[in-house]
């Protein structure tokens, strides 16, 4: 792996990597972040980031192919209310889906830290959205801590809730949104916050893999959409195993997981079926216990992920 400074010749590559991380944010906050589009749409934005005084964009390359990037800028804090000092603000970090879990994010952040030190910065700062728990866990592993908190209050009188979600079978074109929703919860499965060692699992939940499962008659996928937003989904394999059950953070604690489970149970159950199994993340244990599942063994750590086997008897 090579970490190098980006140039204007890298703009299209930067746009593509930026689009990947923006899509993740759009899936979580579609009213804030723009939908997916041609990468060239954001060329002016990334060019300004690249050419700004005191800014740096690093590119990670593997076998001459761009695998990730990080942006940063040196700023100075002045004024009568604070002690004047110089700091480094990290803007965006993106690792391509096909290269996640290989330590690229750590290498990029290490490169920025070395550069910031050479520029005389006293500290590193970044902003992370609360839904992105995987990123939060990653930053905490690197030593970052919460220093301030941005809070918000919507002023719209109408809000979309889980009760208004429409349940329907998944379509192949839903695979991208399904993959993005799974990745929001990756930190709950992976042993390492950056996904290192979990390459096999990451490949098994890629957009391409999810599209194959949706087309496979062994699988039953039921999605819940609030307008164009994927609020949650469940996937049943062989009419007896929960392969996936995810609900987006903004739709949790509204009974959507139960609705999805009941819909899947109604469609997948069989009179001769003895029960259902699931490999639950440690974080999801209370959800499955409320659905009637019980643990059948201790936590298992395997292939970079951890899970607890559970079973629900229908007899």
C-alpha atoms as a PDB file:
ATOM      1  CA  UNK A   1       0.000   0.000   0.000  1.00  0.00           C
ATOM      2  CA  UNK A   2       1.201   3.505  -0.881  1.00  0.00           C
ATOM      3  CA  UNK A   3      -0.018   6.707   0.790  1.00  0.00           C
ATOM      4  CA  UNK A   4       0.609   9.794  -1.336  1.00  0.00           C
ATOM      5  CA  UNK A   5      -0.506  13.405  -1.703  1.00  0.00           C
ATOM      6  CA  UNK A   6      -3.352  13.947  -4.165  1.00  0.00           C
ATOM      7  CA  UNK A   7      -3.066  16.242  -7.181  1.00  0.00           C
ATOM      8  CA  UNK A   8      -5.600  17.721  -9.584  1.00  0.00           C
ATOM      9  CA  UNK A   9      -5.089  14.647 -11.763  1.00  0.00           C
ATOM     10  CA  UNK A  10      -6.801  12.652  -8.986  1.00  0.00           C
ATOM     11  CA  UNK A  11     -10.020  14.694  -9.009  1.00  0.00           C
ATOM     12  CA  UNK A  12     -12.201  12.038 -10.655  1.00  0.00           C
ATOM     13  CA  UNK A  13     -10.878   9.407  -8.251  1.00  0.00           C
ATOM     14  CA  UNK A  14     -11.586  11.715  -5.312  1.00  0.00           C
ATOM     15  CA  UNK A  15     -15.112  12.323  -6.633  1.00  0.00           C
ATOM     16  CA  UNK A  16     -15.791   8.578  -6.835  1.00  0.00           C
ATOM     17  CA  UNK A  17     -14.498   7.907  -3.323  1.00  0.00           C
ATOM     18  CA  UNK A  18     -16.442  10.888  -2.018  1.00  0.00           C
ATOM     19  CA  UNK A  19     -19.612   9.566  -3.649  1.00  0.00           C
ATOM     20  CA  UNK A  20     -19.273   6.288  -1.725  1.00  0.00           C
ATOM     21  CA  UNK A  21     -19.218   7.987   1.668  1.00  0.00           C
ATOM     22  CA  UNK A  22     -21.932  10.469   0.641  1.00  0.00           C
ATOM     23  CA  UNK A  23     -24.226   7.590  -0.350  1.00  0.00           C
ATOM     24  CA  UNK A  24     -23.855   6.117   3.134  1.00  0.00           C
ATOM     25  CA  UNK A  25     -24.912   9.457   4.625  1.00  0.00           C
ATOM     26  CA  UNK A  26     -27.760   9.889   2.135  1.00  0.00           C
ATOM     27  CA  UNK A  27     -29.218   6.522   3.129  1.00  0.00           C
ATOM     28  CA  UNK A  28     -29.275   7.645   6.772  1.00  0.00           C
ATOM     29  CA  UNK A  29     -30.286  11.295   6.229  1.00  0.00           C
ATOM     30  CA  UNK A  30     -31.850  11.670   2.761  1.00  0.00           C
ATOM     31  CA  UNK A  31     -33.300  15.061   3.683  1.00  0.00           C
ATOM     32  CA  UNK A  32     -29.782  16.401   4.295  1.00  0.00           C
ATOM     33  CA  UNK A  33     -27.426  14.602   1.911  1.00  0.00           C
ATOM     34  CA  UNK A  34     -27.843  14.567  -1.861  1.00  0.00           C
ATOM     35  CA  UNK A  35     -28.659  11.278  -3.635  1.00  0.00           C
ATOM     36  CA  UNK A  36     -26.181   9.325  -5.723  1.00  0.00           C
ATOM     37  CA  UNK A  37     -25.226  10.935  -9.026  1.00  0.00           C
ATOM     38  CA  UNK A  38     -22.414  10.981 -11.562  1.00  0.00           C
ATOM     39  CA  UNK A  39     -19.139  11.577  -9.671  1.00  0.00           C
ATOM     40  CA  UNK A  40     -18.387  14.633 -11.821  1.00  0.00           C
ATOM     41  CA  UNK A  41     -21.212  16.471 -10.066  1.00  0.00           C
ATOM     42  CA  UNK A  42     -18.943  17.149  -7.088  1.00  0.00           C
ATOM     43  CA  UNK A  43     -15.774  18.061  -9.005  1.00  0.00           C
ATOM     44  CA  UNK A  44     -15.897  21.767  -8.055  1.00  0.00           C
ATOM     45  CA  UNK A  45     -16.409  20.943  -4.382  1.00  0.00           C
ATOM     46  CA  UNK A  46     -13.458  18.546  -4.192  1.00  0.00           C
ATOM     47  CA  UNK A  47     -11.255  20.806  -6.311  1.00  0.00           C
ATOM     48  CA  UNK A  48     -11.828  23.621  -3.806  1.00  0.00           C
ATOM     49  CA  UNK A  49     -10.908  21.243  -0.971  1.00  0.00           C
ATOM     50  CA  UNK A  50      -7.751  20.213  -2.795  1.00  0.00           C
ATOM     51  CA  UNK A  51      -6.545  23.734  -3.616  1.00  0.00           C
ATOM     52  CA  UNK A  52      -7.505  25.463  -0.356  1.00  0.00           C
ATOM     53  CA  UNK A  53      -4.626  27.058   1.558  1.00  0.00           C
ATOM     54  CA  UNK A  54      -3.378  24.782   4.309  1.00  0.00           C
ATOM     55  CA  UNK A  55      -5.292  21.772   2.964  1.00  0.00           C
ATOM     56  CA  UNK A  56      -4.159  18.246   2.163  1.00  0.00           C
ATOM     57  CA  UNK A  57      -5.783  15.221   0.542  1.00  0.00           C
ATOM     58  CA  UNK A  58      -4.046  11.871   0.879  1.00  0.00           C
ATOM     59  CA  UNK A  59      -4.703   8.953  -1.465  1.00  0.00           C
ATOM     60  CA  UNK A  60      -4.144   5.301  -0.547  1.00  0.00           C
ATOM     61  CA  UNK A  61      -3.150   3.073  -3.462  1.00  0.00           C
ATOM     62  CA  UNK A  62      -2.996  -0.707  -3.713  1.00  0.00           C
ATOM     63  CA  UNK A  63      -1.531  -2.182  -6.888  1.00  0.00           C
ATOM     64  CA  UNK A  64      -1.728   1.260  -8.530  1.00  0.00           C
ATOM     65  CA  UNK A  65      -5.473   1.481  -7.797  1.00  0.00           C
ATOM     66  CA  UNK A  66      -6.963   4.120  -5.481  1.00  0.00           C
ATOM     67  CA  UNK A  67      -8.407   2.420  -2.407  1.00  0.00           C
ATOM     68  CA  UNK A  68      -9.164   5.355  -0.111  1.00  0.00           C
ATOM     69  CA  UNK A  69      -8.680   9.013   0.691  1.00  0.00           C
ATOM     70  CA  UNK A  70      -8.757  11.480   3.559  1.00  0.00           C
ATOM     71  CA  UNK A  71      -9.013  15.272   3.524  1.00  0.00           C
ATOM     72  CA  UNK A  72      -7.715  17.705   6.132  1.00  0.00           C
ATOM     73  CA  UNK A  73      -7.016  21.379   6.653  1.00  0.00           C
ATOM     74  CA  UNK A  74      -4.909  23.408   9.075  1.00  0.00           C
ATOM     75  CA  UNK A  75      -6.842  26.178  10.832  1.00  0.00           C
ATOM     76  CA  UNK A  76      -6.081  28.709  13.537  1.00  0.00           C
ATOM     77  CA  UNK A  77      -8.326  29.582  16.439  1.00  0.00           C
ATOM     78  CA  UNK A  78      -8.036  33.175  17.622  1.00  0.00           C
ATOM     79  CA  UNK A  79     -10.077  35.681  19.559  1.00  0.00           C
ATOM     80  CA  UNK A  80     -10.385  37.033  23.059  1.00  0.00           C
ATOM     81  CA  UNK A  81     -12.356  34.034  24.374  1.00  0.00           C
ATOM     82  CA  UNK A  82      -9.789  31.334  23.533  1.00  0.00           C
ATOM     83  CA  UNK A  83      -6.064  30.781  23.675  1.00  0.00           C
ATOM     84  CA  UNK A  84      -4.728  31.175  20.117  1.00  0.00           C
ATOM     85  CA  UNK A  85      -3.616  27.870  18.641  1.00  0.00           C
ATOM     86  CA  UNK A  86      -3.360  25.925  15.411  1.00  0.00           C
ATOM     87  CA  UNK A  87      -5.288  22.701  14.819  1.00  0.00           C
ATOM     88  CA  UNK A  88      -6.012  20.221  12.030  1.00  0.00           C
ATOM     89  CA  UNK A  89      -9.603  19.538  10.994  1.00  0.00           C
ATOM     90  CA  UNK A  90     -10.251  16.264   9.186  1.00  0.00           C
ATOM     91  CA  UNK A  91     -12.986  16.675   6.595  1.00  0.00           C
ATOM     92  CA  UNK A  92     -13.799  13.349   4.921  1.00  0.00           C
ATOM     93  CA  UNK A  93     -12.379   9.857   4.949  1.00  0.00           C
ATOM     94  CA  UNK A  94     -13.487   7.214   2.478  1.00  0.00           C
ATOM     95  CA  UNK A  95     -12.283   3.674   1.838  1.00  0.00           C
ATOM     96  CA  UNK A  96     -13.678   1.892  -1.200  1.00  0.00           C
ATOM     97  CA  UNK A  97     -16.068  -0.939  -0.414  1.00  0.00           C
ATOM     98  CA  UNK A  98     -13.798  -3.549  -1.990  1.00  0.00           C
ATOM     99  CA  UNK A  99     -10.860  -2.568   0.248  1.00  0.00           C
ATOM    100  CA  UNK A 100     -12.527  -2.095   3.632  1.00  0.00           C
ATOM    101  CA  UNK A 101     -11.179  -4.036   6.575  1.00  0.00           C
ATOM    102  CA  UNK A 102      -7.565  -3.960   5.406  1.00  0.00           C
ATOM    103  CA  UNK A 103      -6.239  -1.188   7.640  1.00  0.00           C
ATOM    104  CA  UNK A 104      -6.360   1.492   4.939  1.00  0.00           C
ATOM    105  CA  UNK A 105      -8.350   3.890   7.113  1.00  0.00           C
ATOM    106  CA  UNK A 106      -5.785   3.615   9.893  1.00  0.00           C
ATOM    107  CA  UNK A 107      -2.925   4.277   7.485  1.00  0.00           C
ATOM    108  CA  UNK A 108      -4.639   7.356   6.068  1.00  0.00           C
ATOM    109  CA  UNK A 109      -5.372   8.752   9.525  1.00  0.00           C
ATOM    110  CA  UNK A 110      -1.784   8.084  10.572  1.00  0.00           C
ATOM    111  CA  UNK A 111      -0.575  10.005   7.530  1.00  0.00           C
ATOM    112  CA  UNK A 112      -2.747  12.991   8.402  1.00  0.00           C
ATOM    113  CA  UNK A 113      -1.560  12.903  12.016  1.00  0.00           C
ATOM    114  CA  UNK A 114       2.085  13.010  10.912  1.00  0.00           C
ATOM    115  CA  UNK A 115       1.371  15.885   8.518  1.00  0.00           C
ATOM    116  CA  UNK A 116      -0.575  17.853  11.143  1.00  0.00           C
ATOM    117  CA  UNK A 117       2.302  17.467  13.588  1.00  0.00           C
ATOM    118  CA  UNK A 118       4.752  18.756  10.990  1.00  0.00           C
ATOM    119  CA  UNK A 119       2.504  21.800  10.473  1.00  0.00           C
ATOM    120  CA  UNK A 120       2.597  22.675  14.170  1.00  0.00           C
ATOM    121  CA  UNK A 121      -1.009  21.686  14.922  1.00  0.00           C
ATOM    122  CA  UNK A 122      -1.827  21.101  18.576  1.00  0.00           C
ATOM    123  CA  UNK A 123      -4.660  18.645  17.968  1.00  0.00           C
ATOM    124  CA  UNK A 124      -6.837  16.853  15.420  1.00  0.00           C
ATOM    125  CA  UNK A 125     -10.587  17.429  15.124  1.00  0.00           C
ATOM    126  CA  UNK A 126     -13.401  15.911  13.105  1.00  0.00           C
ATOM    127  CA  UNK A 127     -17.181  15.780  12.953  1.00  0.00           C
ATOM    128  CA  UNK A 128     -19.043  12.472  12.769  1.00  0.00           C
ATOM    129  CA  UNK A 129     -22.785  11.906  12.452  1.00  0.00           C
ATOM    130  CA  UNK A 130     -24.382  10.052  15.336  1.00  0.00           C
ATOM    131  CA  UNK A 131     -25.887   7.344  13.097  1.00  0.00           C
ATOM    132  CA  UNK A 132     -22.408   6.327  11.926  1.00  0.00           C
ATOM    133  CA  UNK A 133     -21.565   4.167  14.926  1.00  0.00           C
ATOM    134  CA  UNK A 134     -18.985   2.194  12.967  1.00  0.00           C
ATOM    135  CA  UNK A 135     -17.000   5.369  12.295  1.00  0.00           C
ATOM    136  CA  UNK A 136     -17.378   6.512  15.903  1.00  0.00           C
ATOM    137  CA  UNK A 137     -15.960   3.211  17.160  1.00  0.00           C
ATOM    138  CA  UNK A 138     -13.107   3.487  14.654  1.00  0.00           C
ATOM    139  CA  UNK A 139     -12.194   7.004  15.777  1.00  0.00           C
ATOM    140  CA  UNK A 140     -12.391   6.028  19.439  1.00  0.00           C
ATOM    141  CA  UNK A 141      -9.952   3.186  18.797  1.00  0.00           C
ATOM    142  CA  UNK A 142      -7.583   5.788  17.358  1.00  0.00           C
ATOM    143  CA  UNK A 143      -7.823   7.853  20.547  1.00  0.00           C
ATOM    144  CA  UNK A 144     -10.466  10.433  19.585  1.00  0.00           C
ATOM    145  CA  UNK A 145     -12.900  11.614  22.253  1.00  0.00           C
ATOM    146  CA  UNK A 146     -16.071  13.713  22.201  1.00  0.00           C
ATOM    147  CA  UNK A 147     -15.319  17.320  23.128  1.00  0.00           C
ATOM    148  CA  UNK A 148     -18.485  19.111  22.034  1.00  0.00           C
ATOM    149  CA  UNK A 149     -21.860  18.072  20.684  1.00  0.00           C
ATOM    150  CA  UNK A 150     -23.965  19.514  17.868  1.00  0.00           C
ATOM    151  CA  UNK A 151     -27.667  19.215  18.675  1.00  0.00           C
ATOM    152  CA  UNK A 152     -30.636  19.913  16.456  1.00  0.00           C
ATOM    153  CA  UNK A 153     -34.396  20.245  16.596  1.00  0.00           C
ATOM    154  CA  UNK A 154     -36.535  19.864  13.456  1.00  0.00           C
ATOM    155  CA  UNK A 155     -39.134  22.579  12.973  1.00  0.00           C
ATOM    156  CA  UNK A 156     -41.326  20.627  10.563  1.00  0.00           C
ATOM    157  CA  UNK A 157     -44.649  19.568  12.038  1.00  0.00           C
ATOM    158  CA  UNK A 158     -44.846  16.359   9.992  1.00  0.00           C
ATOM    159  CA  UNK A 159     -42.292  13.622  10.551  1.00  0.00           C
ATOM    160  CA  UNK A 160     -41.958  10.215   8.955  1.00  0.00           C
ATOM    161  CA  UNK A 161     -42.305   7.404  11.490  1.00  0.00           C
ATOM    162  CA  UNK A 162     -42.033   3.647  11.350  1.00  0.00           C
ATOM    163  CA  UNK A 163     -45.813   3.276  11.496  1.00  0.00           C
ATOM    164  CA  UNK A 164     -46.091   4.861   8.058  1.00  0.00           C
ATOM    165  CA  UNK A 165     -43.608   2.444   6.477  1.00  0.00           C
ATOM    166  CA  UNK A 166     -44.758   0.251   3.625  1.00  0.00           C
ATOM    167  CA  UNK A 167     -43.682  -3.395   3.815  1.00  0.00           C
ATOM    168  CA  UNK A 168     -42.975  -5.172   0.545  1.00  0.00           C
ATOM    169  CA  UNK A 169     -40.713  -7.889  -0.918  1.00  0.00           C
ATOM    170  CA  UNK A 170     -37.242  -6.662  -1.819  1.00  0.00           C
ATOM    171  CA  UNK A 171     -36.298  -5.887  -5.407  1.00  0.00           C
ATOM    172  CA  UNK A 172     -32.827  -6.374  -6.842  1.00  0.00           C
ATOM    173  CA  UNK A 173     -32.421  -2.602  -7.125  1.00  0.00           C
ATOM    174  CA  UNK A 174     -32.812  -2.399  -3.317  1.00  0.00           C
ATOM    175  CA  UNK A 175     -29.455  -4.155  -2.851  1.00  0.00           C
ATOM    176  CA  UNK A 176     -27.458  -0.910  -2.678  1.00  0.00           C
ATOM    177  CA  UNK A 177     -29.652   0.541   0.073  1.00  0.00           C
ATOM    178  CA  UNK A 178     -29.620  -2.791   1.920  1.00  0.00           C
ATOM    179  CA  UNK A 179     -25.818  -2.918   1.852  1.00  0.00           C
ATOM    180  CA  UNK A 180     -25.581   0.697   3.053  1.00  0.00           C
ATOM    181  CA  UNK A 181     -27.922  -0.024   5.969  1.00  0.00           C
ATOM    182  CA  UNK A 182     -25.927  -3.099   7.011  1.00  0.00           C
ATOM    183  CA  UNK A 183     -22.680  -1.128   6.965  1.00  0.00           C
ATOM    184  CA  UNK A 184     -24.140   1.363   9.448  1.00  0.00           C
ATOM    185  CA  UNK A 185     -24.123  -1.460  12.014  1.00  0.00           C
ATOM    186  CA  UNK A 186     -20.862  -3.116  11.046  1.00  0.00           C
ATOM    187  CA  UNK A 187     -19.207  -2.070  14.310  1.00  0.00           C
ATOM    188  CA  UNK A 188     -21.704  -4.281  16.153  1.00  0.00           C
ATOM    189  CA  UNK A 189     -20.379  -7.382  14.398  1.00  0.00           C
ATOM    190  CA  UNK A 190     -16.707  -6.815  13.727  1.00  0.00           C
ATOM    191  CA  UNK A 191     -14.082  -7.443  16.367  1.00  0.00           C
ATOM    192  CA  UNK A 192     -11.982  -4.560  15.039  1.00  0.00           C
ATOM    193  CA  UNK A 193     -13.712  -1.203  14.559  1.00  0.00           C
ATOM    194  CA  UNK A 194     -12.229  -0.718  11.078  1.00  0.00           C
ATOM    195  CA  UNK A 195     -13.362  -4.178   9.954  1.00  0.00           C
ATOM    196  CA  UNK A 196      -9.869  -5.678   9.805  1.00  0.00           C
ATOM    197  CA  UNK A 197     -10.058  -9.456   9.556  1.00  0.00           C
ATOM    198  CA  UNK A 198     -13.713  -9.428   8.517  1.00  0.00           C
ATOM    199  CA  UNK A 199     -13.131  -9.388   4.766  1.00  0.00           C
ATOM    200  CA  UNK A 200     -15.136 -12.583   4.262  1.00  0.00           C
ATOM    201  CA  UNK A 201     -18.119 -11.111   6.089  1.00  0.00           C
ATOM    202  CA  UNK A 202     -17.853  -7.809   4.203  1.00  0.00           C
ATOM    203  CA  UNK A 203     -17.888  -9.669   0.895  1.00  0.00           C
ATOM    204  CA  UNK A 204     -20.952 -11.635   2.007  1.00  0.00           C
ATOM    205  CA  UNK A 205     -22.975  -8.431   2.554  1.00  0.00           C
ATOM    206  CA  UNK A 206     -21.745  -6.462  -0.459  1.00  0.00           C
ATOM    207  CA  UNK A 207     -24.256  -4.959  -2.867  1.00  0.00           C
ATOM    208  CA  UNK A 208     -23.502  -7.708  -5.372  1.00  0.00           C
ATOM    209  CA  UNK A 209     -23.976 -10.441  -2.771  1.00  0.00           C
ATOM    210  CA  UNK A 210     -27.257  -8.977  -1.526  1.00  0.00           C
ATOM    211  CA  UNK A 211     -28.560  -8.793  -5.099  1.00  0.00           C
ATOM    212  CA  UNK A 212     -27.779 -12.495  -5.521  1.00  0.00           C
ATOM    213  CA  UNK A 213     -29.584 -13.396  -2.299  1.00  0.00           C
ATOM    214  CA  UNK A 214     -32.669 -11.415  -3.310  1.00  0.00           C
ATOM    215  CA  UNK A 215     -32.796 -13.419  -6.557  1.00  0.00           C
ATOM    216  CA  UNK A 216     -32.208 -16.745  -4.792  1.00  0.00           C
ATOM    217  CA  UNK A 217     -35.435 -18.684  -4.002  1.00  0.00           C
ATOM    218  CA  UNK A 218     -33.815 -19.904  -0.765  1.00  0.00           C
ATOM    219  CA  UNK A 219     -34.112 -16.368   0.606  1.00  0.00           C
ATOM    220  CA  UNK A 220     -37.116 -14.283   1.575  1.00  0.00           C
ATOM    221  CA  UNK A 221     -36.467 -10.529   1.815  1.00  0.00           C
ATOM    222  CA  UNK A 222     -39.055  -8.114   3.191  1.00  0.00           C
ATOM    223  CA  UNK A 223     -38.276  -4.400   3.221  1.00  0.00           C
ATOM    224  CA  UNK A 224     -39.848  -1.427   4.991  1.00  0.00           C
ATOM    225  CA  UNK A 225     -39.747   1.861   3.109  1.00  0.00           C
ATOM    226  CA  UNK A 226     -40.719   5.318   4.335  1.00  0.00           C
ATOM    227  CA  UNK A 227     -41.169   7.009   0.995  1.00  0.00           C
ATOM    228  CA  UNK A 228     -37.887   6.409  -0.821  1.00  0.00           C
ATOM    229  CA  UNK A 229     -35.951   5.716   2.378  1.00  0.00           C
ATOM    230  CA  UNK A 230     -35.138   2.157   3.450  1.00  0.00           C
ATOM    231  CA  UNK A 231     -36.217   2.082   7.093  1.00  0.00           C
ATOM    232  CA  UNK A 232     -35.443  -1.589   7.676  1.00  0.00           C
ATOM    233  CA  UNK A 233     -35.513  -5.091   6.258  1.00  0.00           C
ATOM    234  CA  UNK A 234     -35.447  -8.760   7.198  1.00  0.00           C
ATOM    235  CA  UNK A 235     -34.003 -11.704   5.278  1.00  0.00           C
ATOM    236  CA  UNK A 236     -34.914 -15.338   5.978  1.00  0.00           C
ATOM    237  CA  UNK A 237     -32.825 -18.208   4.601  1.00  0.00           C
ATOM    238  CA  UNK A 238     -34.257 -21.688   4.008  1.00  0.00           C
ATOM    239  CA  UNK A 239     -37.472 -20.686   5.813  1.00  0.00           C
ATOM    240  CA  UNK A 240     -35.731 -21.254   9.147  1.00  0.00           C
ATOM    241  CA  UNK A 241     -32.815 -18.840   9.700  1.00  0.00           C
ATOM    242  CA  UNK A 242     -32.774 -15.047  10.082  1.00  0.00           C
ATOM    243  CA  UNK A 243     -29.888 -13.947   7.893  1.00  0.00           C
ATOM    244  CA  UNK A 244     -30.534 -10.209   8.405  1.00  0.00           C
ATOM    245  CA  UNK A 245     -32.751  -7.984  10.516  1.00  0.00           C
ATOM    246  CA  UNK A 246     -31.839  -4.304  10.487  1.00  0.00           C
ATOM    247  CA  UNK A 247     -33.740  -1.108  11.282  1.00  0.00           C
ATOM    248  CA  UNK A 248     -32.257   2.325  10.534  1.00  0.00           C
ATOM    249  CA  UNK A 249     -31.446   4.346  13.681  1.00  0.00           C
ATOM    250  CA  UNK A 250     -34.116   7.005  13.089  1.00  0.00           C
ATOM    251  CA  UNK A 251     -36.830   4.307  12.892  1.00  0.00           C
ATOM    252  CA  UNK A 252     -35.802   2.243  15.909  1.00  0.00           C
ATOM    253  CA  UNK A 253     -37.898   1.771  19.063  1.00  0.00           C
ATOM    254  CA  UNK A 254     -41.103   2.140  17.048  1.00  0.00           C
ATOM    255  CA  UNK A 255     -41.979  -1.535  16.640  1.00  0.00           C
ATOM    256  CA  UNK A 256     -40.636  -1.879  13.100  1.00  0.00           C
ATOM    257  CA  UNK A 257     -38.411  -4.887  13.872  1.00  0.00           C
ATOM    258  CA  UNK A 258     -41.454  -6.693  15.269  1.00  0.00           C
ATOM    259  CA  UNK A 259     -43.537  -5.832  12.187  1.00  0.00           C
ATOM    260  CA  UNK A 260     -40.817  -7.134   9.882  1.00  0.00           C
ATOM    261  CA  UNK A 261     -40.425 -10.317  11.914  1.00  0.00           C
ATOM    262  CA  UNK A 262     -44.166 -10.991  11.992  1.00  0.00           C
ATOM    263  CA  UNK A 263     -44.429 -10.451   8.233  1.00  0.00           C
ATOM    264  CA  UNK A 264     -41.513 -12.791   7.586  1.00  0.00           C
ATOM    265  CA  UNK A 265     -42.827 -15.387  10.035  1.00  0.00           C
ATOM    266  CA  UNK A 266     -46.199 -15.366   8.319  1.00  0.00           C
ATOM    267  CA  UNK A 267     -44.593 -15.840   4.902  1.00  0.00           C
ATOM    268  CA  UNK A 268     -41.849 -18.295   5.826  1.00  0.00           C
ATOM    269  CA  UNK A 269     -43.343 -20.495   8.525  1.00  0.00           C
ATOM    270  CA  UNK A 270     -44.251 -24.089   7.803  1.00  0.00           C
ATOM    271  CA  UNK A 271     -46.398 -26.510   9.784  1.00  0.00           C
ATOM    272  CA  UNK A 272     -43.457 -28.940   9.936  1.00  0.00           C
ATOM    273  CA  UNK A 273     -40.965 -26.258  10.963  1.00  0.00           C
ATOM    274  CA  UNK A 274     -39.527 -26.668  14.438  1.00  0.00           C
ATOM    275  CA  UNK A 275     -38.185 -23.147  14.806  1.00  0.00           C
ATOM    276  CA  UNK A 276     -35.865 -20.375  13.669  1.00  0.00           C
ATOM    277  CA  UNK A 277     -32.205 -19.682  14.326  1.00  0.00           C
ATOM    278  CA  UNK A 278     -30.195 -16.472  14.207  1.00  0.00           C
ATOM    279  CA  UNK A 279     -26.614 -15.411  14.856  1.00  0.00           C
ATOM    280  CA  UNK A 280     -27.174 -12.189  16.773  1.00  0.00           C
ATOM    281  CA  UNK A 281     -24.685  -9.418  17.317  1.00  0.00           C
ATOM    282  CA  UNK A 282     -24.135  -8.813  21.050  1.00  0.00           C
ATOM    283  CA  UNK A 283     -25.897  -5.448  20.652  1.00  0.00           C
ATOM    284  CA  UNK A 284     -29.069  -7.009  19.195  1.00  0.00           C
ATOM    285  CA  UNK A 285     -29.586  -9.653  21.895  1.00  0.00           C
ATOM    286  CA  UNK A 286     -32.388  -7.709  23.674  1.00  0.00           C
ATOM    287  CA  UNK A 287     -34.294  -7.358  20.385  1.00  0.00           C
ATOM    288  CA  UNK A 288     -34.264 -11.076  19.664  1.00  0.00           C
ATOM    289  CA  UNK A 289     -35.026 -11.948  23.278  1.00  0.00           C
ATOM    290  CA  UNK A 290     -38.166  -9.799  23.046  1.00  0.00           C
ATOM    291  CA  UNK A 291     -39.129 -11.804  19.953  1.00  0.00           C
ATOM    292  CA  UNK A 292     -38.819 -15.023  21.959  1.00  0.00           C
ATOM    293  CA  UNK A 293     -35.340 -16.207  20.950  1.00  0.00           C
ATOM    294  CA  UNK A 294     -33.020 -17.760  23.538  1.00  0.00           C
ATOM    295  CA  UNK A 295     -29.243 -18.121  23.496  1.00  0.00           C
ATOM    296  CA  UNK A 296     -27.979 -21.574  22.595  1.00  0.00           C
ATOM    297  CA  UNK A 297     -24.298 -20.937  23.272  1.00  0.00           C
ATOM    298  CA  UNK A 298     -21.664 -18.365  24.247  1.00  0.00           C
ATOM    299  CA  UNK A 299     -20.419 -15.520  22.075  1.00  0.00           C
ATOM    300  CA  UNK A 300     -18.400 -16.779  19.109  1.00  0.00           C
ATOM    301  CA  UNK A 301     -15.520 -14.881  17.494  1.00  0.00           C
ATOM    302  CA  UNK A 302     -14.753 -16.085  13.986  1.00  0.00           C
ATOM    303  CA  UNK A 303     -13.414 -14.550  10.764  1.00  0.00           C
ATOM    304  CA  UNK A 304     -13.176 -11.097  12.336  1.00  0.00           C
ATOM    305  CA  UNK A 305     -16.776 -10.949  13.586  1.00  0.00           C
ATOM    306  CA  UNK A 306     -18.549 -11.866  16.817  1.00  0.00           C
ATOM    307  CA  UNK A 307     -22.055 -13.237  17.293  1.00  0.00           C
ATOM    308  CA  UNK A 308     -24.259 -15.188  19.687  1.00  0.00           C
ATOM    309  CA  UNK A 309     -26.238 -18.202  18.357  1.00  0.00           C
ATOM    310  CA  UNK A 310     -29.941 -18.116  19.258  1.00  0.00           C
ATOM    311  CA  UNK A 311     -33.031 -20.237  18.630  1.00  0.00           C
ATOM    312  CA  UNK A 312     -36.797 -19.793  18.689  1.00  0.00           C
ATOM    313  CA  UNK A 313     -38.896 -22.932  19.125  1.00  0.00           C
ATOM    314  CA  UNK A 314     -42.235 -23.082  17.313  1.00  0.00           C
ATOM    315  CA  UNK A 315     -43.294 -26.321  19.008  1.00  0.00           C
END
